N, C-alpha and C. Protein backbone atom coordinates (compact mmCIF):
# COMPACT_ATOMS: atom_id res chain seq x y z
N MET A 1 -23.50 56.16 97.48
CA MET A 1 -23.98 55.09 97.15
C MET A 1 -23.27 54.31 98.51
N SER A 2 -24.47 54.08 100.10
CA SER A 2 -23.79 53.86 100.85
C SER A 2 -23.66 52.12 101.22
N ARG A 3 -22.96 50.84 101.57
CA ARG A 3 -23.60 49.78 101.85
C ARG A 3 -23.86 49.19 103.30
N ASN A 4 -24.79 48.67 102.73
CA ASN A 4 -25.24 47.84 104.89
C ASN A 4 -25.08 46.70 104.92
N PRO A 5 -24.14 46.31 105.33
CA PRO A 5 -23.63 45.26 106.25
C PRO A 5 -24.70 44.59 106.76
N ALA A 6 -25.53 44.67 107.29
CA ALA A 6 -26.55 43.75 107.91
C ALA A 6 -27.34 43.50 106.87
N GLY A 7 -27.54 44.18 105.97
CA GLY A 7 -28.71 43.98 104.59
C GLY A 7 -27.82 42.83 103.82
N ALA A 8 -26.68 42.90 103.69
CA ALA A 8 -25.84 42.13 103.01
C ALA A 8 -25.59 40.72 103.75
N ALA A 9 -25.67 40.80 105.31
CA ALA A 9 -25.13 39.76 105.98
C ALA A 9 -27.02 38.60 105.93
N VAL A 10 -27.84 39.58 105.40
CA VAL A 10 -29.14 38.92 105.44
C VAL A 10 -29.26 38.06 104.17
N VAL A 11 -28.83 38.76 102.97
CA VAL A 11 -29.30 38.77 101.29
C VAL A 11 -28.15 37.34 101.55
N PHE A 12 -26.87 37.18 102.11
CA PHE A 12 -26.21 35.66 101.94
C PHE A 12 -26.84 34.57 102.75
N ALA A 13 -27.54 35.13 103.96
CA ALA A 13 -27.84 33.98 104.95
C ALA A 13 -28.78 33.63 103.95
N VAL A 14 -30.08 34.44 103.30
CA VAL A 14 -31.04 32.99 102.45
C VAL A 14 -30.36 32.94 101.51
N ALA A 15 -29.43 33.18 100.98
CA ALA A 15 -28.86 32.56 99.57
C ALA A 15 -28.32 31.15 99.70
N VAL A 16 -27.79 31.38 101.15
CA VAL A 16 -27.04 29.84 101.87
C VAL A 16 -28.11 28.90 101.86
N LEU A 17 -29.08 29.61 102.41
CA LEU A 17 -30.75 28.68 102.78
C LEU A 17 -30.96 28.22 102.01
N CYS A 18 -31.39 29.08 100.48
CA CYS A 18 -32.04 28.20 99.58
C CYS A 18 -30.83 27.64 98.53
N ALA A 19 -30.21 27.25 99.17
CA ALA A 19 -29.24 26.60 97.99
C ALA A 19 -29.59 24.69 98.22
N GLY A 20 -30.51 25.03 99.79
CA GLY A 20 -30.55 23.26 100.29
C GLY A 20 -31.78 23.23 99.73
N CYS A 21 -32.15 24.42 99.30
CA CYS A 21 -33.70 24.10 99.01
C CYS A 21 -34.33 23.41 97.46
N ALA A 22 -33.58 23.32 96.36
CA ALA A 22 -34.04 21.80 95.29
C ALA A 22 -33.45 20.90 96.34
N SER A 23 -34.86 20.93 95.54
CA SER A 23 -35.28 18.96 96.38
C SER A 23 -34.58 17.74 95.40
N PHE A 24 -34.57 16.84 96.33
CA PHE A 24 -34.46 16.04 95.18
C PHE A 24 -35.33 14.79 95.28
N PRO A 25 -35.20 14.78 93.62
CA PRO A 25 -36.09 14.50 92.60
C PRO A 25 -36.68 12.69 93.02
N SER A 26 -37.90 12.92 93.53
CA SER A 26 -38.43 11.69 93.88
C SER A 26 -38.31 10.53 92.19
N ALA A 27 -38.25 9.11 92.90
CA ALA A 27 -38.10 7.91 92.19
C ALA A 27 -39.53 7.71 90.92
N PRO A 28 -39.16 7.74 89.86
CA PRO A 28 -40.59 7.31 89.21
C PRO A 28 -41.52 6.50 89.44
N GLY A 29 -42.64 5.90 89.71
CA GLY A 29 -43.67 5.28 90.29
C GLY A 29 -42.94 4.20 89.41
N ALA A 30 -42.99 3.56 87.96
CA ALA A 30 -42.30 2.36 87.97
C ALA A 30 -41.43 2.51 87.56
N VAL A 31 -40.25 1.03 87.24
CA VAL A 31 -38.85 1.03 86.92
C VAL A 31 -39.59 0.94 85.38
N GLY A 32 -38.54 1.59 85.20
CA GLY A 32 -38.91 2.57 83.91
C GLY A 32 -39.55 3.45 82.97
N ASP A 33 -40.21 3.68 83.75
CA ASP A 33 -40.90 5.08 83.77
C ASP A 33 -40.18 6.04 83.26
N GLY A 34 -40.63 6.86 82.38
CA GLY A 34 -39.28 7.94 81.52
C GLY A 34 -38.22 8.02 80.28
N TYR A 35 -38.08 6.16 80.59
CA TYR A 35 -36.97 6.23 79.19
C TYR A 35 -37.46 6.84 77.85
N PRO A 36 -35.96 6.78 77.29
CA PRO A 36 -36.34 7.91 76.16
C PRO A 36 -36.59 6.65 74.97
N GLY A 37 -37.01 5.79 75.13
CA GLY A 37 -37.64 4.98 73.87
C GLY A 37 -36.50 3.67 74.23
N THR A 38 -35.30 3.00 75.17
CA THR A 38 -34.85 1.99 75.37
C THR A 38 -34.59 2.22 76.59
N CYS A 39 -33.91 1.36 77.28
CA CYS A 39 -33.54 1.25 78.64
C CYS A 39 -31.69 1.06 78.63
N MET A 40 -31.42 1.56 77.47
CA MET A 40 -29.77 1.23 77.49
C MET A 40 -28.71 2.76 76.50
N PRO A 41 -28.22 3.43 77.91
CA PRO A 41 -27.96 4.29 77.77
C PRO A 41 -26.46 4.34 76.58
N PRO A 42 -26.52 5.31 76.23
CA PRO A 42 -25.13 5.26 75.06
C PRO A 42 -23.94 4.92 75.92
N GLU A 43 -23.80 5.37 77.20
CA GLU A 43 -22.53 5.10 77.83
C GLU A 43 -23.65 5.08 79.13
N LEU A 44 -22.04 3.65 79.80
CA LEU A 44 -23.06 3.33 81.19
C LEU A 44 -21.73 2.30 81.80
N SER A 45 -21.76 2.59 83.12
CA SER A 45 -21.40 1.24 84.23
C SER A 45 -22.36 0.47 84.38
N TRP A 46 -22.08 -1.08 84.10
CA TRP A 46 -22.78 -1.92 84.47
C TRP A 46 -22.65 -2.12 85.54
N PRO A 47 -24.22 -2.41 86.43
CA PRO A 47 -23.47 -2.80 88.35
C PRO A 47 -22.71 -3.84 88.36
N THR A 48 -22.52 -5.23 87.12
CA THR A 48 -21.59 -5.93 87.75
C THR A 48 -20.13 -5.22 87.79
N ASP A 49 -20.19 -4.27 87.64
CA ASP A 49 -18.83 -3.50 86.92
C ASP A 49 -18.29 -2.48 88.46
N PHE A 50 -19.85 -2.38 89.22
CA PHE A 50 -19.27 -0.75 90.33
C PHE A 50 -19.82 -1.51 92.11
N LEU A 51 -20.51 -2.71 91.94
CA LEU A 51 -20.87 -2.85 93.17
C LEU A 51 -20.37 -3.36 94.30
N GLU A 52 -19.29 -4.44 94.12
CA GLU A 52 -18.47 -4.29 95.20
C GLU A 52 -17.02 -3.02 95.16
N SER A 53 -17.43 -2.43 94.47
CA SER A 53 -16.09 -1.50 94.44
C SER A 53 -16.46 0.21 95.22
N LEU A 54 -17.78 0.18 94.40
CA LEU A 54 -18.06 1.79 94.88
C LEU A 54 -18.38 2.14 96.03
N PRO A 55 -18.80 1.25 97.36
CA PRO A 55 -19.19 1.57 98.31
C PRO A 55 -17.33 1.89 99.46
N GLY A 56 -16.31 2.13 98.21
CA GLY A 56 -14.82 2.22 99.63
C GLY A 56 -14.35 3.62 98.84
N GLU A 57 -14.77 3.69 97.49
CA GLU A 57 -14.29 4.47 96.46
C GLU A 57 -15.36 5.97 96.19
N SER A 58 -16.18 5.98 96.92
CA SER A 58 -17.56 7.02 96.30
C SER A 58 -18.09 7.88 97.59
N SER A 59 -18.18 8.92 97.81
CA SER A 59 -18.59 9.90 98.56
C SER A 59 -20.35 9.60 98.38
N ALA A 60 -20.44 9.06 96.76
CA ALA A 60 -21.96 8.94 96.80
C ALA A 60 -23.03 7.76 97.76
N VAL A 61 -21.97 6.54 98.55
CA VAL A 61 -22.23 5.30 99.16
C VAL A 61 -21.39 5.64 100.18
N GLY A 62 -22.64 4.89 101.35
CA GLY A 62 -22.14 5.78 102.87
C GLY A 62 -21.88 4.37 103.01
N GLY A 63 -22.18 3.20 102.46
CA GLY A 63 -21.68 1.27 103.35
C GLY A 63 -22.31 0.84 101.87
N GLU A 64 -22.29 -1.06 102.91
CA GLU A 64 -23.22 -1.27 101.62
C GLU A 64 -24.67 -0.99 100.23
N ILE A 65 -24.31 -1.05 99.65
CA ILE A 65 -25.34 -0.66 98.42
C ILE A 65 -26.64 -1.55 99.05
N VAL A 66 -27.41 -0.95 98.99
CA VAL A 66 -29.18 -2.23 99.73
C VAL A 66 -29.76 -1.58 98.16
N GLY A 67 -29.99 -1.33 97.27
CA GLY A 67 -30.55 -0.54 95.90
C GLY A 67 -30.21 0.30 94.97
N LEU A 68 -30.21 -0.15 94.01
CA LEU A 68 -29.85 0.52 92.81
C LEU A 68 -30.96 0.55 91.79
N ARG A 69 -31.42 1.92 90.85
CA ARG A 69 -32.42 1.98 90.04
C ARG A 69 -31.74 3.22 88.82
N LEU A 70 -32.08 2.41 87.53
CA LEU A 70 -31.35 3.41 86.29
C LEU A 70 -33.00 4.04 86.01
N GLU A 71 -32.63 5.46 86.24
CA GLU A 71 -33.55 6.18 85.76
C GLU A 71 -33.20 7.28 84.64
N TYR A 72 -33.93 8.16 83.87
CA TYR A 72 -33.96 8.64 82.94
C TYR A 72 -34.57 9.93 83.39
N LEU A 73 -33.67 11.28 83.84
CA LEU A 73 -34.34 12.35 85.03
C LEU A 73 -33.80 14.05 84.25
N GLU A 74 -34.47 14.42 83.71
CA GLU A 74 -34.74 15.77 82.97
C GLU A 74 -33.64 14.92 82.04
N SER A 75 -33.68 14.83 80.96
CA SER A 75 -32.46 14.36 79.71
C SER A 75 -31.12 14.26 80.12
N ARG A 76 -30.64 12.69 81.42
CA ARG A 76 -30.05 13.04 81.54
C ARG A 76 -30.02 10.99 82.44
N TRP A 77 -29.65 10.20 82.57
CA TRP A 77 -29.56 9.10 82.66
C TRP A 77 -28.64 8.93 84.01
N VAL A 78 -28.86 8.58 84.70
CA VAL A 78 -28.75 8.25 86.57
C VAL A 78 -28.81 7.20 86.74
N TRP A 79 -27.86 6.72 87.46
CA TRP A 79 -28.23 5.49 89.05
C TRP A 79 -28.48 6.55 90.40
N ARG A 80 -30.16 5.59 90.90
CA ARG A 80 -30.41 6.28 91.96
C ARG A 80 -30.04 4.84 93.40
N LEU A 81 -28.94 5.59 93.78
CA LEU A 81 -28.46 4.70 95.12
C LEU A 81 -28.36 4.47 96.03
N ARG A 82 -29.31 3.49 97.07
CA ARG A 82 -29.14 3.44 97.85
C ARG A 82 -28.42 2.95 98.69
N SER A 83 -27.79 3.06 99.63
CA SER A 83 -27.01 2.38 100.86
C SER A 83 -26.76 2.49 102.16
N ALA A 84 -26.68 1.60 103.46
CA ALA A 84 -26.27 1.89 104.21
C ALA A 84 -25.60 3.00 104.74
N ASP A 85 -25.55 3.79 105.68
CA ASP A 85 -24.31 5.39 106.16
C ASP A 85 -24.30 5.00 107.76
N THR A 86 -23.04 5.59 108.16
CA THR A 86 -23.00 5.56 109.13
C THR A 86 -23.76 6.74 110.12
N LYS A 87 -24.61 6.68 111.53
CA LYS A 87 -24.92 8.12 111.67
C LYS A 87 -24.25 8.63 112.91
N LEU A 88 -24.00 9.77 112.69
CA LEU A 88 -22.83 10.61 113.70
C LEU A 88 -24.03 11.27 114.76
N ASP A 89 -23.75 11.33 115.99
CA ASP A 89 -24.07 12.50 116.54
C ASP A 89 -23.54 13.52 116.70
N SER A 90 -23.97 14.48 117.83
CA SER A 90 -23.50 15.91 117.08
C SER A 90 -21.74 15.79 117.93
N PHE A 91 -21.60 15.15 118.68
CA PHE A 91 -20.18 15.29 119.15
C PHE A 91 -19.65 14.27 118.46
N GLY A 92 -20.24 13.58 117.08
CA GLY A 92 -19.10 13.19 115.88
C GLY A 92 -18.92 11.25 116.31
N GLU A 93 -19.27 11.47 117.16
CA GLU A 93 -19.68 9.57 117.94
C GLU A 93 -20.52 8.38 117.38
N ARG A 94 -20.24 7.31 116.44
CA ARG A 94 -21.80 6.70 116.01
C ARG A 94 -22.59 6.47 116.65
N VAL A 95 -23.82 6.24 116.18
CA VAL A 95 -24.55 6.41 116.63
C VAL A 95 -25.10 5.20 116.10
N ASP A 96 -25.80 3.85 116.87
CA ASP A 96 -26.11 2.56 116.27
C ASP A 96 -27.53 2.39 115.73
N ASP A 97 -27.36 3.05 114.39
CA ASP A 97 -28.97 3.01 113.77
C ASP A 97 -28.72 2.33 112.35
N PRO A 98 -29.65 1.40 112.94
CA PRO A 98 -30.13 0.75 111.32
C PRO A 98 -30.13 0.62 109.83
N SER A 99 -31.36 1.91 110.18
CA SER A 99 -32.27 2.05 109.39
C SER A 99 -31.64 3.51 108.81
N PHE A 100 -30.77 3.84 109.03
CA PHE A 100 -30.42 5.22 108.65
C PHE A 100 -29.54 5.43 107.59
N GLY A 101 -29.57 5.32 106.14
CA GLY A 101 -29.09 5.56 104.98
C GLY A 101 -28.98 6.67 104.22
N ARG A 102 -28.59 6.47 102.96
CA ARG A 102 -27.89 7.26 101.99
C ARG A 102 -28.91 6.93 100.56
N GLU A 103 -29.19 8.17 99.94
CA GLU A 103 -29.68 7.80 98.40
C GLU A 103 -28.80 8.40 97.98
N SER A 104 -28.70 8.39 96.60
CA SER A 104 -27.40 9.46 95.57
C SER A 104 -27.80 9.19 94.16
N LEU A 105 -28.06 10.18 93.52
CA LEU A 105 -28.30 10.12 92.48
C LEU A 105 -26.54 10.24 91.52
N VAL A 106 -25.90 8.94 90.70
CA VAL A 106 -24.88 9.44 89.94
C VAL A 106 -25.08 9.59 88.50
N ASP A 107 -24.65 9.63 88.23
CA ASP A 107 -23.96 9.97 86.60
C ASP A 107 -23.74 8.12 86.04
N VAL A 108 -24.56 7.63 85.08
CA VAL A 108 -24.34 6.06 84.76
C VAL A 108 -23.24 5.81 83.97
N ARG A 109 -22.13 6.71 83.43
CA ARG A 109 -21.25 7.14 83.09
C ARG A 109 -20.14 6.86 83.45
N THR A 110 -20.02 8.55 84.40
CA THR A 110 -18.65 8.06 85.41
C THR A 110 -18.78 7.91 86.90
N LEU A 111 -20.62 7.95 87.24
CA LEU A 111 -20.57 7.40 88.77
C LEU A 111 -20.62 8.59 89.81
N GLU A 112 -20.47 9.59 89.09
CA GLU A 112 -20.18 10.97 90.08
C GLU A 112 -21.23 11.18 90.57
N PRO A 113 -20.98 11.94 92.03
CA PRO A 113 -22.27 12.15 92.68
C PRO A 113 -23.20 13.20 92.27
N ILE A 114 -24.45 13.40 92.04
CA ILE A 114 -25.59 14.19 91.10
C ILE A 114 -25.84 14.60 92.75
N ALA A 115 -26.45 14.20 93.41
CA ALA A 115 -27.24 14.96 94.30
C ALA A 115 -27.01 13.58 95.17
N THR A 116 -27.14 13.93 96.99
CA THR A 116 -27.18 13.14 97.95
C THR A 116 -27.91 13.88 98.89
N ARG A 117 -28.77 12.45 99.84
CA ARG A 117 -29.80 13.30 100.68
C ARG A 117 -29.66 11.80 101.84
N GLU A 118 -29.97 12.14 102.87
CA GLU A 118 -30.66 11.56 103.92
C GLU A 118 -31.47 10.34 103.63
N VAL A 119 -31.12 8.71 104.22
CA VAL A 119 -33.12 7.73 104.22
C VAL A 119 -32.94 6.69 105.60
N ALA A 120 -34.68 6.90 105.35
CA ALA A 120 -34.84 5.87 106.20
C ALA A 120 -34.58 4.85 105.45
N LEU A 121 -34.06 3.61 105.96
CA LEU A 121 -33.68 2.04 104.78
C LEU A 121 -35.03 1.61 105.28
N THR A 122 -35.34 0.37 104.60
CA THR A 122 -36.60 -0.06 104.86
C THR A 122 -36.41 -1.24 105.38
N GLN A 123 -37.39 -2.03 106.37
CA GLN A 123 -36.49 -3.31 106.83
C GLN A 123 -36.06 -4.10 106.20
N ALA A 124 -36.43 -4.22 104.79
CA ALA A 124 -35.68 -5.68 103.68
C ALA A 124 -34.38 -4.33 103.55
N GLU A 125 -34.56 -4.00 103.60
CA GLU A 125 -33.38 -2.95 103.00
C GLU A 125 -31.58 -2.92 104.31
N GLN A 126 -32.51 -3.21 105.78
CA GLN A 126 -31.84 -3.44 106.33
C GLN A 126 -31.12 -4.82 106.92
N GLY A 127 -32.19 -5.79 106.50
CA GLY A 127 -31.77 -7.24 106.21
C GLY A 127 -30.88 -8.12 105.84
N SER A 128 -30.65 -8.87 105.62
CA SER A 128 -28.71 -9.26 105.27
C SER A 128 -29.51 -10.46 104.72
N PRO A 129 -29.59 -10.69 103.05
CA PRO A 129 -30.08 -11.68 102.11
C PRO A 129 -29.02 -12.39 102.21
N ALA A 130 -28.63 -13.85 102.02
CA ALA A 130 -27.58 -14.75 101.48
C ALA A 130 -27.04 -14.68 100.73
N LEU A 131 -27.15 -13.65 100.20
CA LEU A 131 -26.17 -13.03 98.99
C LEU A 131 -26.10 -12.00 98.65
N ALA A 132 -24.73 -11.58 98.28
CA ALA A 132 -24.10 -9.78 98.25
C ALA A 132 -24.79 -10.00 97.02
N ALA A 133 -24.75 -8.29 97.04
CA ALA A 133 -25.21 -7.29 95.55
C ALA A 133 -24.29 -7.96 94.84
N LEU A 134 -23.19 -8.26 94.65
CA LEU A 134 -22.32 -8.13 93.11
C LEU A 134 -22.67 -9.78 92.47
N GLU A 135 -22.95 -10.58 93.79
CA GLU A 135 -23.43 -12.13 93.23
C GLU A 135 -24.75 -12.34 93.14
N ALA A 136 -25.70 -11.48 93.63
CA ALA A 136 -27.47 -11.47 92.95
C ALA A 136 -26.95 -10.88 91.26
N ALA A 137 -26.30 -9.89 91.62
CA ALA A 137 -25.88 -9.10 90.59
C ALA A 137 -25.37 -10.47 88.56
N GLN A 138 -24.57 -11.12 89.27
CA GLN A 138 -23.86 -12.21 88.59
C GLN A 138 -25.22 -13.06 88.57
N ARG A 139 -25.57 -13.23 89.16
CA ARG A 139 -26.73 -14.81 88.68
C ARG A 139 -28.20 -14.13 88.29
N SER A 140 -28.54 -12.68 88.17
CA SER A 140 -29.24 -12.41 87.40
C SER A 140 -29.26 -13.14 85.87
N GLY A 141 -28.31 -12.80 85.14
CA GLY A 141 -27.83 -13.39 84.49
C GLY A 141 -27.48 -11.97 83.15
N GLU A 142 -27.16 -10.66 83.63
CA GLU A 142 -26.91 -9.14 83.66
C GLU A 142 -25.50 -9.93 82.34
N GLN A 143 -25.44 -9.56 81.56
CA GLN A 143 -24.29 -9.74 80.26
C GLN A 143 -24.57 -8.98 79.26
N TRP A 144 -23.46 -8.43 78.64
CA TRP A 144 -23.03 -7.60 77.72
C TRP A 144 -23.53 -8.09 76.46
N PRO A 145 -24.68 -7.66 75.32
CA PRO A 145 -24.75 -6.16 75.19
C PRO A 145 -26.41 -6.48 76.11
N SER A 146 -26.72 -7.96 76.59
CA SER A 146 -28.11 -7.78 76.78
C SER A 146 -28.30 -9.30 77.97
N PRO A 147 -29.04 -9.02 78.93
CA PRO A 147 -29.77 -8.13 79.63
C PRO A 147 -28.79 -7.32 80.88
N LEU A 148 -30.01 -5.99 81.16
CA LEU A 148 -28.72 -4.99 81.24
C LEU A 148 -30.15 -5.14 83.20
N ILE A 149 -29.04 -4.86 84.13
CA ILE A 149 -29.95 -4.20 84.82
C ILE A 149 -30.52 -3.45 85.28
N ILE A 150 -31.31 -3.09 85.54
CA ILE A 150 -32.09 -1.83 85.23
C ILE A 150 -32.82 -1.36 87.21
N GLU A 151 -32.99 -2.37 87.96
CA GLU A 151 -32.85 -2.28 89.39
C GLU A 151 -32.39 -3.37 90.22
N MET A 152 -32.20 -3.31 91.46
CA MET A 152 -32.01 -4.10 92.06
C MET A 152 -32.40 -3.78 93.93
N ALA A 153 -33.50 -4.10 93.75
CA ALA A 153 -33.83 -4.04 95.42
C ALA A 153 -34.01 -5.01 96.56
N ARG A 154 -33.56 -4.43 97.23
CA ARG A 154 -34.27 -5.36 98.56
C ARG A 154 -35.53 -5.62 99.09
N VAL A 155 -36.21 -6.65 99.03
CA VAL A 155 -37.33 -6.97 99.69
C VAL A 155 -37.77 -8.32 100.43
N SER A 156 -38.71 -8.55 101.36
CA SER A 156 -38.79 -9.40 102.25
C SER A 156 -39.34 -10.58 101.46
N ASP A 157 -38.57 -11.66 101.74
CA ASP A 157 -38.76 -12.49 101.17
C ASP A 157 -39.70 -13.72 102.31
N GLY A 158 -40.65 -13.67 102.82
CA GLY A 158 -40.49 -14.57 103.89
C GLY A 158 -40.29 -13.63 105.51
N ASP A 159 -39.23 -14.25 106.08
CA ASP A 159 -39.29 -13.49 107.05
C ASP A 159 -37.22 -13.31 106.71
N GLN A 160 -36.96 -13.66 105.17
CA GLN A 160 -35.53 -13.68 104.90
C GLN A 160 -35.38 -12.38 104.06
N ALA A 161 -34.48 -11.32 103.68
CA ALA A 161 -34.08 -9.76 102.89
C ALA A 161 -33.57 -11.23 101.59
N ALA A 162 -34.01 -10.97 100.84
CA ALA A 162 -33.74 -11.15 99.53
C ALA A 162 -33.82 -9.76 98.45
N TRP A 163 -33.14 -10.14 97.43
CA TRP A 163 -32.47 -9.23 96.11
C TRP A 163 -33.49 -9.93 95.05
N GLN A 164 -34.88 -8.40 94.66
CA GLN A 164 -35.79 -8.57 93.37
C GLN A 164 -34.65 -7.43 92.33
N VAL A 165 -34.40 -8.60 91.70
CA VAL A 165 -33.53 -8.09 90.25
C VAL A 165 -34.54 -8.03 89.08
N THR A 166 -34.48 -6.48 88.54
CA THR A 166 -35.50 -6.30 87.11
C THR A 166 -34.06 -6.10 86.09
N THR A 167 -34.14 -6.86 85.06
CA THR A 167 -33.36 -7.07 83.60
C THR A 167 -34.16 -6.27 82.64
N CYS A 168 -33.18 -5.27 81.82
CA CYS A 168 -34.03 -5.59 80.84
C CYS A 168 -34.14 -5.60 79.88
N ASP A 169 -34.47 -6.06 78.68
CA ASP A 169 -34.32 -6.49 76.85
C ASP A 169 -33.57 -4.76 76.29
N PRO A 170 -32.07 -4.98 75.94
CA PRO A 170 -33.07 -3.38 75.56
C PRO A 170 -33.39 -3.08 74.01
N GLU A 171 -32.92 -4.35 73.42
CA GLU A 171 -34.15 -4.42 71.94
C GLU A 171 -35.42 -4.33 71.91
N SER A 172 -36.11 -4.37 73.35
CA SER A 172 -37.20 -4.84 72.90
C SER A 172 -37.66 -4.46 74.70
N ASN A 173 -36.93 -3.73 75.04
CA ASN A 173 -37.91 -3.19 76.24
C ASN A 173 -38.28 -4.09 77.65
N GLN A 174 -38.65 -5.09 76.86
CA GLN A 174 -38.85 -6.40 77.82
C GLN A 174 -38.24 -6.29 79.26
N HIS A 175 -39.34 -6.29 80.18
CA HIS A 175 -38.77 -6.51 81.51
C HIS A 175 -38.71 -7.15 81.97
N SER A 176 -37.96 -8.39 82.55
CA SER A 176 -38.31 -8.95 83.69
C SER A 176 -37.33 -9.41 84.70
N VAL A 177 -38.53 -10.03 86.28
CA VAL A 177 -38.19 -10.13 87.87
C VAL A 177 -38.03 -11.22 87.86
N THR A 178 -36.95 -10.96 88.66
CA THR A 178 -36.01 -12.66 89.40
C THR A 178 -36.21 -12.05 90.86
N THR A 179 -36.37 -13.52 91.73
CA THR A 179 -36.28 -13.03 93.12
C THR A 179 -34.82 -13.46 93.66
N LEU A 180 -34.08 -13.19 94.11
CA LEU A 180 -32.87 -14.41 94.37
C LEU A 180 -32.20 -13.81 95.99
N GLY A 181 -32.31 -15.02 96.85
CA GLY A 181 -31.89 -15.49 98.00
C GLY A 181 -30.63 -14.54 98.17
């Protein structure tokens, strides 16, 4: 049995390239699509618990969180987090690009990253709303056991960025949407 080092190198290269072939799942069409009957995962990290601390503690977040959504993907509850990120050039130098961002899927209980990719932030996500994400979450009325924030998205409110917060009542699965400056 002969071994071909060139052949082994080709197989290895293809394996490495295909490791990145798995596509990042698209967001469901609407908030709450795909939920298995309720908007309340059995175990959950509430947005008001992690919005302030996560940007400095997790590789899932590049910087300021500019959006989040609770999703049920492939029989698993996840948070889809969008954040501003720092772009670096080929020399490792910082490049000023306010549209450069990161999108990550994280486990709802542990907040451990599942998948991450680079994204282009929308104009609203690049803007600075009057309220920080945590303050908007606190003003949304989220509290245990209900209502639960299931999405926070930066939107344009006239010429200003604002937060559109969607909450869900786990008993009725009724969604409420509020825009907060």
